[in-house]
Amino acid sequence: ASGVGTPVISIFGRNQKGLSPVRWRPLGDKAIAIHKDVGCTDCLAHDCKKDFLCLREITVEEVFEEAKELLK
């Protein structure tokens, strides 16, 4: 979507080589990747030791503010 100029917000939990926003975030001027580094080194999403803190740290308010900026 971002390749054709559609605004995109991507939310990433994992911070693992090959699965991180550095590699997989959308490209373009109207694309934002939101990610919280909570110190996990090897993410095991099926057996998360931090109760998915990486995702719970991303607030609705933060996503809303990013969306407002993106749509200006």
Protein backbone atom coordinates (compact mmCIF):
# COMPACT_ATOMS: atom_id res chain seq x y z
CA ALA A 1 0.00 0.00 0.00
CA SER A 2 2.74 2.47 0.89
CA GLY A 3 4.35 1.79 -2.49
CA VAL A 4 1.45 3.58 -4.17
CA GLY A 5 1.25 6.41 -1.63
CA THR A 6 -1.40 5.01 0.69
CA PRO A 7 -0.75 6.02 4.32
CA VAL A 8 0.32 3.01 6.40
CA ILE A 9 0.96 2.51 10.10
CA SER A 10 2.64 -0.79 10.95
CA ILE A 11 2.83 -2.08 14.50
CA PHE A 12 5.71 -4.43 15.28
CA GLY A 13 6.17 -6.53 18.36
CA ARG A 14 9.12 -8.78 17.67
CA ASN A 15 12.64 -7.46 17.62
CA GLN A 16 14.44 -10.39 16.12
CA LYS A 17 16.77 -10.49 13.15
CA GLY A 18 14.73 -11.17 10.08
CA LEU A 19 11.46 -10.11 11.71
CA SER A 20 12.23 -6.58 12.85
CA PRO A 21 10.79 -3.29 11.60
CA VAL A 22 14.24 -2.43 10.27
CA ARG A 23 13.75 -5.11 7.64
CA TRP A 24 9.97 -5.27 7.21
CA ARG A 25 8.63 -1.78 7.83
CA PRO A 26 6.74 -0.21 4.96
CA LEU A 27 8.73 2.21 2.83
CA GLY A 28 7.67 5.63 1.67
CA ASP A 29 6.90 9.11 2.90
CA LYS A 30 3.49 8.09 4.20
CA ALA A 31 4.60 5.04 6.16
CA ILE A 32 5.29 4.75 9.87
CA ALA A 33 6.48 1.76 11.88
CA ILE A 34 5.76 1.72 15.60
CA HIS A 35 7.90 -0.54 17.74
CA LYS A 36 8.92 -0.69 21.41
CA ASP A 37 12.23 -2.23 22.38
CA VAL A 38 11.59 -3.89 25.73
CA GLY A 39 14.86 -5.78 25.88
CA CYS A 40 13.91 -9.12 24.39
CA THR A 41 16.79 -10.72 22.54
CA ASP A 42 15.20 -13.89 21.21
CA CYS A 43 11.48 -13.51 20.79
CA LEU A 44 9.40 -16.62 21.13
CA ALA A 45 5.96 -15.28 20.31
CA HIS A 46 4.34 -18.64 21.05
CA ASP A 47 5.94 -18.64 24.53
CA CYS A 48 6.44 -14.95 25.39
CA LYS A 49 8.25 -14.49 28.71
CA LYS A 50 7.15 -10.85 29.05
CA ASP A 51 3.42 -11.22 28.39
CA PHE A 52 3.75 -9.39 25.06
CA LEU A 53 5.08 -6.23 26.70
CA CYS A 54 6.45 -5.09 23.33
CA LEU A 55 2.87 -4.75 22.08
CA ARG A 56 1.25 -3.60 25.32
CA GLU A 57 3.70 -0.67 25.49
CA ILE A 58 2.22 0.75 22.29
CA THR A 59 -0.75 2.86 23.33
CA VAL A 60 -3.87 3.76 21.41
CA GLU A 61 -3.00 7.40 21.99
CA GLU A 62 0.43 6.94 20.43
CA VAL A 63 -1.03 5.29 17.33
CA PHE A 64 -3.69 8.00 17.09
CA GLU A 65 -1.08 10.79 17.29
CA GLU A 66 1.03 9.11 14.62
CA ALA A 67 -2.05 8.76 12.42
CA LYS A 68 -2.90 12.45 12.81
CA GLU A 69 0.64 13.42 11.76
CA LEU A 70 0.61 10.99 8.86
CA LEU A 71 -2.67 12.33 7.50
CA LYS A 72 -1.73 16.02 7.62
